[in-house]
Amino acid sequence: SAGISRYTVSPEGYIDFPVLGKLKVEGMSRDELSGFIKGELMGRDLA
């Protein structure tokens, strides 16, 4: 399958996201992580 942005959560609970860098995602639900990344992108005037 092409075009899937795939991330593996590290043993410490982080992912390395483009531009934003290391993000602590352990313990979040899908919706919580979606809202967190959206807030980071808008809060940093990236999107």
ModelCIF file with pLDDT and N, C-alpha, C, O atoms, coordinates in Angstrom:
data_MODEL
#
_entry.id   MODEL 
#
_entity.id                         1 
_entity.type                       polymer 
_entity.pdbx_number_of_molecules   1 
#
_entity_poly.entity_id                      1 
_entity_poly.type                           'polypeptide(L)' 
_entity_poly.nstd_linkage                   no 
_entity_poly.nstd_monomer                   no 
_entity_poly.pdbx_seq_one_letter_code       SAGISRYTVSPEGYIDFPVLGKLKVEGMSRDELSGFIKGELMGRDLA 
_entity_poly.pdbx_seq_one_letter_code_can   SAGISRYTVSPEGYIDFPVLGKLKVEGMSRDELSGFIKGELMGRDLA 
_entity_poly.pdbx_strand_id                 A 
#
loop_
_entity_poly_seq.entity_id 
_entity_poly_seq.num 
_entity_poly_seq.mon_id 
_entity_poly_seq.hetero 
1 1  SER n 
1 2  ALA n 
1 3  GLY n 
1 4  ILE n 
1 5  SER n 
1 6  ARG n 
1 7  TYR n 
1 8  THR n 
1 9  VAL n 
1 10 SER n 
1 11 PRO n 
1 12 GLU n 
1 13 GLY n 
1 14 TYR n 
1 15 ILE n 
1 16 ASP n 
1 17 PHE n 
1 18 PRO n 
1 19 VAL n 
1 20 LEU n 
1 21 GLY n 
1 22 LYS n 
1 23 LEU n 
1 24 LYS n 
1 25 VAL n 
1 26 GLU n 
1 27 GLY n 
1 28 MET n 
1 29 SER n 
1 30 ARG n 
1 31 ASP n 
1 32 GLU n 
1 33 LEU n 
1 34 SER n 
1 35 GLY n 
1 36 PHE n 
1 37 ILE n 
1 38 LYS n 
1 39 GLY n 
1 40 GLU n 
1 41 LEU n 
1 42 MET n 
1 43 GLY n 
1 44 ARG n 
1 45 ASP n 
1 46 LEU n 
1 47 ALA n 
#
_struct_asym.id          A 
_struct_asym.entity_id   1 
#
loop_
_ma_qa_metric.id 
_ma_qa_metric.mode 
_ma_qa_metric.name 
_ma_qa_metric.software_group_id 
_ma_qa_metric.type 
1 global pLDDT . pLDDT 
2 local  pLDDT . pLDDT 
#
_ma_qa_metric_global.metric_id      1 
_ma_qa_metric_global.metric_value   89.81 
_ma_qa_metric_global.model_id       1 
_ma_qa_metric_global.ordinal_id     1 
#
loop_
_ma_qa_metric_local.label_asym_id 
_ma_qa_metric_local.label_comp_id 
_ma_qa_metric_local.label_seq_id 
_ma_qa_metric_local.metric_id 
_ma_qa_metric_local.metric_value 
_ma_qa_metric_local.model_id 
_ma_qa_metric_local.ordinal_id 
A SER 1  2 46.00 1 1  
A ALA 2  2 49.00 1 2  
A GLY 3  2 54.00 1 3  
A ILE 4  2 64.00 1 4  
A SER 5  2 72.00 1 5  
A ARG 6  2 86.00 1 6  
A TYR 7  2 93.00 1 7  
A THR 8  2 93.00 1 8  
A VAL 9  2 95.00 1 9  
A SER 10 2 95.00 1 10 
A PRO 11 2 93.00 1 11 
A GLU 12 2 95.00 1 12 
A GLY 13 2 95.00 1 13 
A TYR 14 2 97.00 1 14 
A ILE 15 2 95.00 1 15 
A ASP 16 2 94.00 1 16 
A PHE 17 2 94.00 1 17 
A PRO 18 2 92.00 1 18 
A VAL 19 2 92.00 1 19 
A LEU 20 2 94.00 1 20 
A GLY 21 2 93.00 1 21 
A LYS 22 2 95.00 1 22 
A LEU 23 2 96.00 1 23 
A LYS 24 2 96.00 1 24 
A VAL 25 2 95.00 1 25 
A GLU 26 2 94.00 1 26 
A GLY 27 2 92.00 1 27 
A MET 28 2 94.00 1 28 
A SER 29 2 91.00 1 29 
A ARG 30 2 91.00 1 30 
A ASP 31 2 92.00 1 31 
A GLU 32 2 94.00 1 32 
A LEU 33 2 95.00 1 33 
A SER 34 2 95.00 1 34 
A GLY 35 2 95.00 1 35 
A PHE 36 2 96.00 1 36 
A ILE 37 2 96.00 1 37 
A LYS 38 2 95.00 1 38 
A GLY 39 2 95.00 1 39 
A GLU 40 2 95.00 1 40 
A LEU 41 2 94.00 1 41 
A MET 42 2 94.00 1 42 
A GLY 43 2 93.00 1 43 
A ARG 44 2 92.00 1 44 
A ASP 45 2 92.00 1 45 
A LEU 46 2 92.00 1 46 
A ALA 47 2 91.00 1 47 
#
loop_
_atom_site.group_PDB 
_atom_site.id 
_atom_site.type_symbol 
_atom_site.label_atom_id 
_atom_site.label_alt_id 
_atom_site.label_comp_id 
_atom_site.label_asym_id 
_atom_site.label_entity_id 
_atom_site.label_seq_id 
_atom_site.pdbx_PDB_ins_code 
_atom_site.Cartn_x 
_atom_site.Cartn_y 
_atom_site.Cartn_z 
_atom_site.occupancy 
_atom_site.B_iso_or_equiv 
_atom_site.pdbx_formal_charge 
_atom_site.auth_seq_id 
_atom_site.auth_comp_id 
_atom_site.auth_asym_id 
_atom_site.auth_atom_id 
_atom_site.pdbx_PDB_model_num 
ATOM 1   N N  . SER A 1 1  ? 0.848  -1.180 0.000  1.00 46.00 ? 1  SER A N  1 
ATOM 2   C CA . SER A 1 1  ? 0.000  0.000  0.000  1.00 46.00 ? 1  SER A CA 1 
ATOM 3   C C  . SER A 1 1  ? 0.884  1.231  0.000  1.00 46.00 ? 1  SER A C  1 
ATOM 4   O O  . SER A 1 1  ? 1.853  1.305  0.756  1.00 46.00 ? 1  SER A O  1 
ATOM 5   N N  . ALA A 1 2  ? 0.556  2.195  -0.841 1.00 49.00 ? 2  ALA A N  1 
ATOM 6   C CA . ALA A 1 2  ? 1.400  3.383  -0.989 1.00 49.00 ? 2  ALA A CA 1 
ATOM 7   C C  . ALA A 1 2  ? 0.791  4.573  -0.257 1.00 49.00 ? 2  ALA A C  1 
ATOM 8   O O  . ALA A 1 2  ? -0.428 4.678  -0.118 1.00 49.00 ? 2  ALA A O  1 
ATOM 9   N N  . GLY A 1 3  ? 1.657  5.463  0.205  1.00 54.00 ? 3  GLY A N  1 
ATOM 10  C CA . GLY A 1 3  ? 1.209  6.732  0.757  1.00 54.00 ? 3  GLY A CA 1 
ATOM 11  C C  . GLY A 1 3  ? 0.801  6.684  2.209  1.00 54.00 ? 3  GLY A C  1 
ATOM 12  O O  . GLY A 1 3  ? 0.177  7.627  2.696  1.00 54.00 ? 3  GLY A O  1 
ATOM 13  N N  . ILE A 1 4  ? 1.132  5.612  2.923  1.00 64.00 ? 4  ILE A N  1 
ATOM 14  C CA . ILE A 1 4  ? 0.784  5.528  4.335  1.00 64.00 ? 4  ILE A CA 1 
ATOM 15  C C  . ILE A 1 4  ? 1.924  6.096  5.171  1.00 64.00 ? 4  ILE A C  1 
ATOM 16  O O  . ILE A 1 4  ? 3.058  5.622  5.098  1.00 64.00 ? 4  ILE A O  1 
ATOM 17  N N  . SER A 1 5  ? 1.613  7.107  5.959  1.00 72.00 ? 5  SER A N  1 
ATOM 18  C CA . SER A 1 5  ? 2.604  7.668  6.867  1.00 72.00 ? 5  SER A CA 1 
ATOM 19  C C  . SER A 1 5  ? 2.640  6.807  8.123  1.00 72.00 ? 5  SER A C  1 
ATOM 20  O O  . SER A 1 5  ? 1.765  6.909  8.982  1.00 72.00 ? 5  SER A O  1 
ATOM 21  N N  . ARG A 1 6  ? 3.644  5.972  8.220  1.00 86.00 ? 6  ARG A N  1 
ATOM 22  C CA . ARG A 1 6  ? 3.695  4.968  9.279  1.00 86.00 ? 6  ARG A CA 1 
ATOM 23  C C  . ARG A 1 6  ? 4.726  5.350  10.334 1.00 86.00 ? 6  ARG A C  1 
ATOM 24  O O  . ARG A 1 6  ? 5.875  5.664  10.024 1.00 86.00 ? 6  ARG A O  1 
ATOM 25  N N  . TYR A 1 7  ? 4.287  5.314  11.584 1.00 93.00 ? 7  TYR A N  1 
ATOM 26  C CA . TYR A 1 7  ? 5.155  5.648  12.707 1.00 93.00 ? 7  TYR A CA 1 
ATOM 27  C C  . TYR A 1 7  ? 5.106  4.503  13.721 1.00 93.00 ? 7  TYR A C  1 
ATOM 28  O O  . TYR A 1 7  ? 4.044  3.944  13.997 1.00 93.00 ? 7  TYR A O  1 
ATOM 29  N N  . THR A 1 8  ? 6.255  4.172  14.259 1.00 93.00 ? 8  THR A N  1 
ATOM 30  C CA . THR A 1 8  ? 6.336  3.181  15.327 1.00 93.00 ? 8  THR A CA 1 
ATOM 31  C C  . THR A 1 8  ? 6.646  3.894  16.629 1.00 93.00 ? 8  THR A C  1 
ATOM 32  O O  . THR A 1 8  ? 7.640  4.613  16.732 1.00 93.00 ? 8  THR A O  1 
ATOM 33  N N  . VAL A 1 9  ? 5.799  3.697  17.614 1.00 95.00 ? 9  VAL A N  1 
ATOM 34  C CA . VAL A 1 9  ? 5.984  4.359  18.908 1.00 95.00 ? 9  VAL A CA 1 
ATOM 35  C C  . VAL A 1 9  ? 7.183  3.731  19.605 1.00 95.00 ? 9  VAL A C  1 
ATOM 36  O O  . VAL A 1 9  ? 7.272  2.509  19.721 1.00 95.00 ? 9  VAL A O  1 
ATOM 37  N N  . SER A 1 10 ? 8.087  4.558  20.059 1.00 95.00 ? 10 SER A N  1 
ATOM 38  C CA . SER A 1 10 ? 9.312  4.074  20.705 1.00 95.00 ? 10 SER A CA 1 
ATOM 39  C C  . SER A 1 10 ? 8.977  3.462  22.072 1.00 95.00 ? 10 SER A C  1 
ATOM 40  O O  . SER A 1 10 ? 7.896  3.700  22.610 1.00 95.00 ? 10 SER A O  1 
ATOM 41  N N  . PRO A 1 11 ? 9.897  2.681  22.627 1.00 93.00 ? 11 PRO A N  1 
ATOM 42  C CA . PRO A 1 11 ? 9.665  2.118  23.972 1.00 93.00 ? 11 PRO A CA 1 
ATOM 43  C C  . PRO A 1 11 ? 9.413  3.181  25.021 1.00 93.00 ? 11 PRO A C  1 
ATOM 44  O O  . PRO A 1 11 ? 8.782  2.913  26.044 1.00 93.00 ? 11 PRO A O  1 
ATOM 45  N N  . GLU A 1 12 ? 9.900  4.382  24.775 1.00 95.00 ? 12 GLU A N  1 
ATOM 46  C CA . GLU A 1 12 ? 9.669  5.484  25.729 1.00 95.00 ? 12 GLU A CA 1 
ATOM 47  C C  . GLU A 1 12 ? 8.363  6.213  25.447 1.00 95.00 ? 12 GLU A C  1 
ATOM 48  O O  . GLU A 1 12 ? 7.992  7.114  26.199 1.00 95.00 ? 12 GLU A O  1 
ATOM 49  N N  . GLY A 1 13 ? 7.650  5.840  24.368 1.00 95.00 ? 13 GLY A N  1 
ATOM 50  C CA . GLY A 1 13 ? 6.341  6.438  24.087 1.00 95.00 ? 13 GLY A CA 1 
ATOM 51  C C  . GLY A 1 13 ? 6.363  7.615  23.140 1.00 95.00 ? 13 GLY A C  1 
ATOM 52  O O  . GLY A 1 13 ? 5.412  8.396  23.125 1.00 95.00 ? 13 GLY A O  1 
ATOM 53  N N  . TYR A 1 14 ? 7.423  7.778  22.338 1.00 97.00 ? 14 TYR A N  1 
ATOM 54  C CA . TYR A 1 14 ? 7.543  8.930  21.440 1.00 97.00 ? 14 TYR A CA 1 
ATOM 55  C C  . TYR A 1 14 ? 7.450  8.508  19.977 1.00 97.00 ? 14 TYR A C  1 
ATOM 56  O O  . TYR A 1 14 ? 7.699  7.355  19.625 1.00 97.00 ? 14 TYR A O  1 
ATOM 57  N N  . ILE A 1 15 ? 7.079  9.485  19.125 1.00 95.00 ? 15 ILE A N  1 
ATOM 58  C CA . ILE A 1 15 ? 7.245  9.353  17.682 1.00 95.00 ? 15 ILE A CA 1 
ATOM 59  C C  . ILE A 1 15 ? 8.011  10.581 17.197 1.00 95.00 ? 15 ILE A C  1 
ATOM 60  O O  . ILE A 1 15 ? 7.979  11.635 17.833 1.00 95.00 ? 15 ILE A O  1 
ATOM 61  N N  . ASP A 1 16 ? 8.690  10.438 16.081 1.00 94.00 ? 16 ASP A N  1 
ATOM 62  C CA . ASP A 1 16 ? 9.426  11.559 15.486 1.00 94.00 ? 16 ASP A CA 1 
ATOM 63  C C  . ASP A 1 16 ? 8.610  12.063 14.306 1.00 94.00 ? 16 ASP A C  1 
ATOM 64  O O  . ASP A 1 16 ? 8.603  11.454 13.236 1.00 94.00 ? 16 ASP A O  1 
ATOM 65  N N  . PHE A 1 17 ? 7.916  13.191 14.511 1.00 94.00 ? 17 PHE A N  1 
ATOM 66  C CA . PHE A 1 17 ? 6.985  13.702 13.500 1.00 94.00 ? 17 PHE A CA 1 
ATOM 67  C C  . PHE A 1 17 ? 7.666  14.798 12.676 1.00 94.00 ? 17 PHE A C  1 
ATOM 68  O O  . PHE A 1 17 ? 8.398  15.620 13.228 1.00 94.00 ? 17 PHE A O  1 
ATOM 69  N N  . PRO A 1 18 ? 7.429  14.815 11.355 1.00 92.00 ? 18 PRO A N  1 
ATOM 70  C CA . PRO A 1 18 ? 8.068  15.843 10.515 1.00 92.00 ? 18 PRO A CA 1 
ATOM 71  C C  . PRO A 1 18 ? 7.779  17.253 11.024 1.00 92.00 ? 18 PRO A C  1 
ATOM 72  O O  . PRO A 1 18 ? 6.654  17.566 11.415 1.00 92.00 ? 18 PRO A O  1 
ATOM 73  N N  . VAL A 1 19 ? 8.793  18.086 11.013 1.00 92.00 ? 19 VAL A N  1 
ATOM 74  C CA . VAL A 1 19 ? 8.742  19.497 11.403 1.00 92.00 ? 19 VAL A CA 1 
ATOM 75  C C  . VAL A 1 19 ? 8.539  19.664 12.907 1.00 92.00 ? 19 VAL A C  1 
ATOM 76  O O  . VAL A 1 19 ? 9.251  20.442 13.542 1.00 92.00 ? 19 VAL A O  1 
ATOM 77  N N  . LEU A 1 20 ? 7.571  18.941 13.485 1.00 94.00 ? 20 LEU A N  1 
ATOM 78  C CA . LEU A 1 20 ? 7.286  19.095 14.913 1.00 94.00 ? 20 LEU A CA 1 
ATOM 79  C C  . LEU A 1 20 ? 8.329  18.416 15.788 1.00 94.00 ? 20 LEU A C  1 
ATOM 80  O O  . LEU A 1 20 ? 8.502  18.801 16.944 1.00 94.00 ? 20 LEU A O  1 
ATOM 81  N N  . GLY A 1 21 ? 9.016  17.428 15.271 1.00 93.00 ? 21 GLY A N  1 
ATOM 82  C CA . GLY A 1 21 ? 10.030 16.724 16.049 1.00 93.00 ? 21 GLY A CA 1 
ATOM 83  C C  . GLY A 1 21 ? 9.443  15.637 16.937 1.00 93.00 ? 21 GLY A C  1 
ATOM 84  O O  . GLY A 1 21 ? 8.429  15.030 16.594 1.00 93.00 ? 21 GLY A O  1 
ATOM 85  N N  . LYS A 1 22 ? 10.081 15.392 18.079 1.00 95.00 ? 22 LYS A N  1 
ATOM 86  C CA . LYS A 1 22 ? 9.655  14.323 18.969 1.00 95.00 ? 22 LYS A CA 1 
ATOM 87  C C  . LYS A 1 22 ? 8.362  14.698 19.689 1.00 95.00 ? 22 LYS A C  1 
ATOM 88  O O  . LYS A 1 22 ? 8.239  15.776 20.271 1.00 95.00 ? 22 LYS A O  1 
ATOM 89  N N  . LEU A 1 23 ? 7.405  13.773 19.630 1.00 96.00 ? 23 LEU A N  1 
ATOM 90  C CA . LEU A 1 23 ? 6.125  14.001 20.310 1.00 96.00 ? 23 LEU A CA 1 
ATOM 91  C C  . LEU A 1 23 ? 5.847  12.829 21.248 1.00 96.00 ? 23 LEU A C  1 
ATOM 92  O O  . LEU A 1 23 ? 5.993  11.669 20.863 1.00 96.00 ? 23 LEU A O  1 
ATOM 93  N N  . LYS A 1 24 ? 5.446  13.139 22.478 1.00 96.00 ? 24 LYS A N  1 
ATOM 94  C CA . LYS A 1 24 ? 5.068  12.113 23.446 1.00 96.00 ? 24 LYS A CA 1 
ATOM 95  C C  . LYS A 1 24 ? 3.620  11.722 23.177 1.00 96.00 ? 24 LYS A C  1 
ATOM 96  O O  . LYS A 1 24 ? 2.709  12.519 23.403 1.00 96.00 ? 24 LYS A O  1 
ATOM 97  N N  . VAL A 1 25 ? 3.402  10.491 22.692 1.00 95.00 ? 25 VAL A N  1 
ATOM 98  C CA . VAL A 1 25 ? 2.056  10.083 22.287 1.00 95.00 ? 25 VAL A CA 1 
ATOM 99  C C  . VAL A 1 25 ? 1.501  8.945  23.136 1.00 95.00 ? 25 VAL A C  1 
ATOM 100 O O  . VAL A 1 25 ? 0.317  8.623  23.034 1.00 95.00 ? 25 VAL A O  1 
ATOM 101 N N  . GLU A 1 26 ? 2.324  8.339  23.959 1.00 94.00 ? 26 GLU A N  1 
ATOM 102 C CA . GLU A 1 26 ? 1.853  7.219  24.774 1.00 94.00 ? 26 GLU A CA 1 
ATOM 103 C C  . GLU A 1 26 ? 0.719  7.651  25.690 1.00 94.00 ? 26 GLU A C  1 
ATOM 104 O O  . GLU A 1 26 ? 0.780  8.713  26.309 1.00 94.00 ? 26 GLU A O  1 
ATOM 105 N N  . GLY A 1 27 ? -0.323 6.818  25.774 1.00 92.00 ? 27 GLY A N  1 
ATOM 106 C CA . GLY A 1 27 ? -1.455 7.114  26.643 1.00 92.00 ? 27 GLY A CA 1 
ATOM 107 C C  . GLY A 1 27 ? -2.557 7.911  25.988 1.00 92.00 ? 27 GLY A C  1 
ATOM 108 O O  . GLY A 1 27 ? -3.605 8.121  26.600 1.00 92.00 ? 27 GLY A O  1 
ATOM 109 N N  . MET A 1 28 ? -2.351 8.371  24.742 1.00 94.00 ? 28 MET A N  1 
ATOM 110 C CA . MET A 1 28 ? -3.381 9.123  24.032 1.00 94.00 ? 28 MET A CA 1 
ATOM 111 C C  . MET A 1 28 ? -4.277 8.191  23.234 1.00 94.00 ? 28 MET A C  1 
ATOM 112 O O  . MET A 1 28 ? -3.856 7.113  22.813 1.00 94.00 ? 28 MET A O  1 
ATOM 113 N N  . SER A 1 29 ? -5.513 8.616  23.031 1.00 91.00 ? 29 SER A N  1 
ATOM 114 C CA . SER A 1 29 ? -6.391 7.930  22.090 1.00 91.00 ? 29 SER A CA 1 
ATOM 115 C C  . SER A 1 29 ? -6.148 8.495  20.695 1.00 91.00 ? 29 SER A C  1 
ATOM 116 O O  . SER A 1 29 ? -5.392 9.453  20.531 1.00 91.00 ? 29 SER A O  1 
ATOM 117 N N  . ARG A 1 30 ? -6.782 7.906  19.702 1.00 91.00 ? 30 ARG A N  1 
ATOM 118 C CA . ARG A 1 30 ? -6.626 8.417  18.337 1.00 91.00 ? 30 ARG A CA 1 
ATOM 119 C C  . ARG A 1 30 ? -7.091 9.868  18.255 1.00 91.00 ? 30 ARG A C  1 
ATOM 120 O O  . ARG A 1 30 ? -6.399 10.713 17.687 1.00 91.00 ? 30 ARG A O  1 
ATOM 121 N N  . ASP A 1 31 ? -8.247 10.151 18.814 1.00 92.00 ? 31 ASP A N  1 
ATOM 122 C CA . ASP A 1 31 ? -8.787 11.511 18.751 1.00 92.00 ? 31 ASP A CA 1 
ATOM 123 C C  . ASP A 1 31 ? -7.910 12.498 19.503 1.00 92.00 ? 31 ASP A C  1 
ATOM 124 O O  . ASP A 1 31 ? -7.722 13.631 19.062 1.00 92.00 ? 31 ASP A O  1 
ATOM 125 N N  . GLU A 1 32 ? -7.373 12.063 20.643 1.00 94.00 ? 32 GLU A N  1 
ATOM 126 C CA . GLU A 1 32 ? -6.517 12.956 21.429 1.00 94.00 ? 32 GLU A CA 1 
ATOM 127 C C  . GLU A 1 32 ? -5.232 13.283 20.672 1.00 94.00 ? 32 GLU A C  1 
ATOM 128 O O  . GLU A 1 32 ? -4.780 14.428 20.683 1.00 94.00 ? 32 GLU A O  1 
ATOM 129 N N  . LEU A 1 33 ? -4.647 12.290 20.020 1.00 95.00 ? 33 LEU A N  1 
ATOM 130 C CA . LEU A 1 33 ? -3.429 12.548 19.259 1.00 95.00 ? 33 LEU A CA 1 
ATOM 131 C C  . LEU A 1 33 ? -3.722 13.428 18.051 1.00 95.00 ? 33 LEU A C  1 
ATOM 132 O O  . LEU A 1 33 ? -2.939 14.320 17.725 1.00 95.00 ? 33 LEU A O  1 
ATOM 133 N N  . SER A 1 34 ? -4.837 13.182 17.393 1.00 95.00 ? 34 SER A N  1 
ATOM 134 C CA . SER A 1 34 ? -5.223 14.018 16.256 1.00 95.00 ? 34 SER A CA 1 
ATOM 135 C C  . SER A 1 34 ? -5.380 15.476 16.677 1.00 95.00 ? 34 SER A C  1 
ATOM 136 O O  . SER A 1 34 ? -4.886 16.382 16.006 1.00 95.00 ? 34 SER A O  1 
ATOM 137 N N  . GLY A 1 35 ? -6.074 15.693 17.798 1.00 95.00 ? 35 GLY A N  1 
ATOM 138 C CA . GLY A 1 35 ? -6.266 17.057 18.289 1.00 95.00 ? 35 GLY A CA 1 
ATOM 139 C C  . GLY A 1 35 ? -4.964 17.697 18.748 1.00 95.00 ? 35 GLY A C  1 
ATOM 140 O O  . GLY A 1 35 ? -4.761 18.899 18.578 1.00 95.00 ? 35 GLY A O  1 
ATOM 141 N N  . PHE A 1 36 ? -4.076 16.883 19.336 1.00 96.00 ? 36 PHE A N  1 
ATOM 142 C CA . PHE A 1 36 ? -2.785 17.405 19.808 1.00 96.00 ? 36 PHE A CA 1 
ATOM 143 C C  . PHE A 1 36 ? -1.935 17.890 18.638 1.00 96.00 ? 36 PHE A C  1 
ATOM 144 O O  . PHE A 1 36 ? -1.386 18.991 18.686 1.00 96.00 ? 36 PHE A O  1 
ATOM 145 N N  . ILE A 1 37 ? -1.822 17.075 17.584 1.00 96.00 ? 37 ILE A N  1 
ATOM 146 C CA . ILE A 1 37 ? -1.019 17.468 16.420 1.00 96.00 ? 37 ILE A CA 1 
ATOM 147 C C  . ILE A 1 37 ? -1.638 18.675 15.722 1.00 96.00 ? 37 ILE A C  1 
ATOM 148 O O  . ILE A 1 37 ? -0.924 19.584 15.298 1.00 96.00 ? 37 ILE A O  1 
ATOM 149 N N  . LYS A 1 38 ? -2.941 18.684 15.605 1.00 95.00 ? 38 LYS A N  1 
ATOM 150 C CA . LYS A 1 38 ? -3.604 19.834 14.989 1.00 95.00 ? 38 LYS A CA 1 
ATOM 151 C C  . LYS A 1 38 ? -3.322 21.113 15.773 1.00 95.00 ? 38 LYS A C  1 
ATOM 152 O O  . LYS A 1 38 ? -3.053 22.160 15.183 1.00 95.00 ? 38 LYS A O  1 
ATOM 153 N N  . GLY A 1 39 ? -3.383 21.028 17.106 1.00 95.00 ? 39 GLY A N  1 
ATOM 154 C CA . GLY A 1 39 ? -3.101 22.192 17.939 1.00 95.00 ? 39 GLY A CA 1 
ATOM 155 C C  . GLY A 1 39 ? -1.667 22.672 17.801 1.00 95.00 ? 39 GLY A C  1 
ATOM 156 O O  . GLY A 1 39 ? -1.407 23.875 17.791 1.00 95.00 ? 39 GLY A O  1 
ATOM 157 N N  . GLU A 1 40 ? -0.720 21.716 17.692 1.00 95.00 ? 40 GLU A N  1 
ATOM 158 C CA . GLU A 1 40 ? 0.683  22.077 17.530 1.00 95.00 ? 40 GLU A CA 1 
ATOM 159 C C  . GLU A 1 40 ? 0.917  22.781 16.189 1.00 95.00 ? 40 GLU A C  1 
ATOM 160 O O  . GLU A 1 40 ? 1.638  23.777 16.125 1.00 95.00 ? 40 GLU A O  1 
ATOM 161 N N  . LEU A 1 41 ? 0.316  22.268 15.137 1.00 94.00 ? 41 LEU A N  1 
ATOM 162 C CA . LEU A 1 41 ? 0.504  22.868 13.818 1.00 94.00 ? 41 LEU A CA 1 
ATOM 163 C C  . LEU A 1 41 ? -0.072 24.282 13.753 1.00 94.00 ? 41 LEU A C  1 
ATOM 164 O O  . LEU A 1 41 ? 0.544  25.192 13.197 1.00 94.00 ? 41 LEU A O  1 
ATOM 165 N N  . MET A 1 42 ? -1.247 24.447 14.321 1.00 94.00 ? 42 MET A N  1 
ATOM 166 C CA . MET A 1 42 ? -1.870 25.772 14.309 1.00 94.00 ? 42 MET A CA 1 
ATOM 167 C C  . MET A 1 42 ? -1.175 26.710 15.290 1.00 94.00 ? 42 MET A C  1 
ATOM 168 O O  . MET A 1 42 ? -0.993 27.891 14.994 1.00 94.00 ? 42 MET A O  1 
ATOM 169 N N  . GLY A 1 43 ? -0.781 26.190 16.464 1.00 93.00 ? 43 GLY A N  1 
ATOM 170 C CA . GLY A 1 43 ? -0.151 27.027 17.473 1.00 93.00 ? 43 GLY A CA 1 
ATOM 171 C C  . GLY A 1 43 ? 1.210  27.551 17.037 1.00 93.00 ? 43 GLY A C  1 
ATOM 172 O O  . GLY A 1 43 ? 1.630  28.620 17.480 1.00 93.00 ? 43 GLY A O  1 
ATOM 173 N N  . ARG A 1 44 ? 1.901  26.815 16.178 1.00 92.00 ? 44 ARG A N  1 
ATOM 174 C CA . ARG A 1 44 ? 3.194  27.248 15.680 1.00 92.00 ? 44 ARG A CA 1 
ATOM 175 C C  . ARG A 1 44 ? 3.084  27.947 14.312 1.00 92.00 ? 44 ARG A C  1 
ATOM 176 O O  . ARG A 1 44 ? 4.092  28.213 13.658 1.00 92.00 ? 44 ARG A O  1 
ATOM 177 N N  . ASP A 1 45 ? 1.850  28.236 13.899 1.00 92.00 ? 45 ASP A N  1 
ATOM 178 C CA . ASP A 1 45 ? 1.595  28.904 12.611 1.00 92.00 ? 45 ASP A CA 1 
ATOM 179 C C  . ASP A 1 45 ? 2.193  28.123 11.431 1.00 92.00 ? 45 ASP A C  1 
ATOM 180 O O  . ASP A 1 45 ? 2.684  28.699 10.461 1.00 92.00 ? 45 ASP A O  1 
ATOM 181 N N  . LEU A 1 46 ? 2.130  26.788 11.555 1.00 92.00 ? 46 LEU A N  1 
ATOM 182 C CA . LEU A 1 46 ? 2.646  25.962 10.473 1.00 92.00 ? 46 LEU A CA 1 
ATOM 183 C C  . LEU A 1 46 ? 1.557  25.588 9.470  1.00 92.00 ? 46 LEU A C  1 
ATOM 184 O O  . LEU A 1 46 ? 1.853  25.281 8.315  1.00 92.00 ? 46 LEU A O  1 
ATOM 185 N N  . ALA A 1 47 ? 0.322  25.612 9.903  1.00 91.00 ? 47 ALA A N  1 
ATOM 186 C CA . ALA A 1 47 ? -0.795 25.272 9.024  1.00 91.00 ? 47 ALA A CA 1 
ATOM 187 C C  . ALA A 1 47 ? -2.056 25.914 9.572  1.00 91.00 ? 47 ALA A C  1 
ATOM 188 O O  . ALA A 1 47 ? -3.130 25.762 8.990  1.00 91.00 ? 47 ALA A O  1 
#
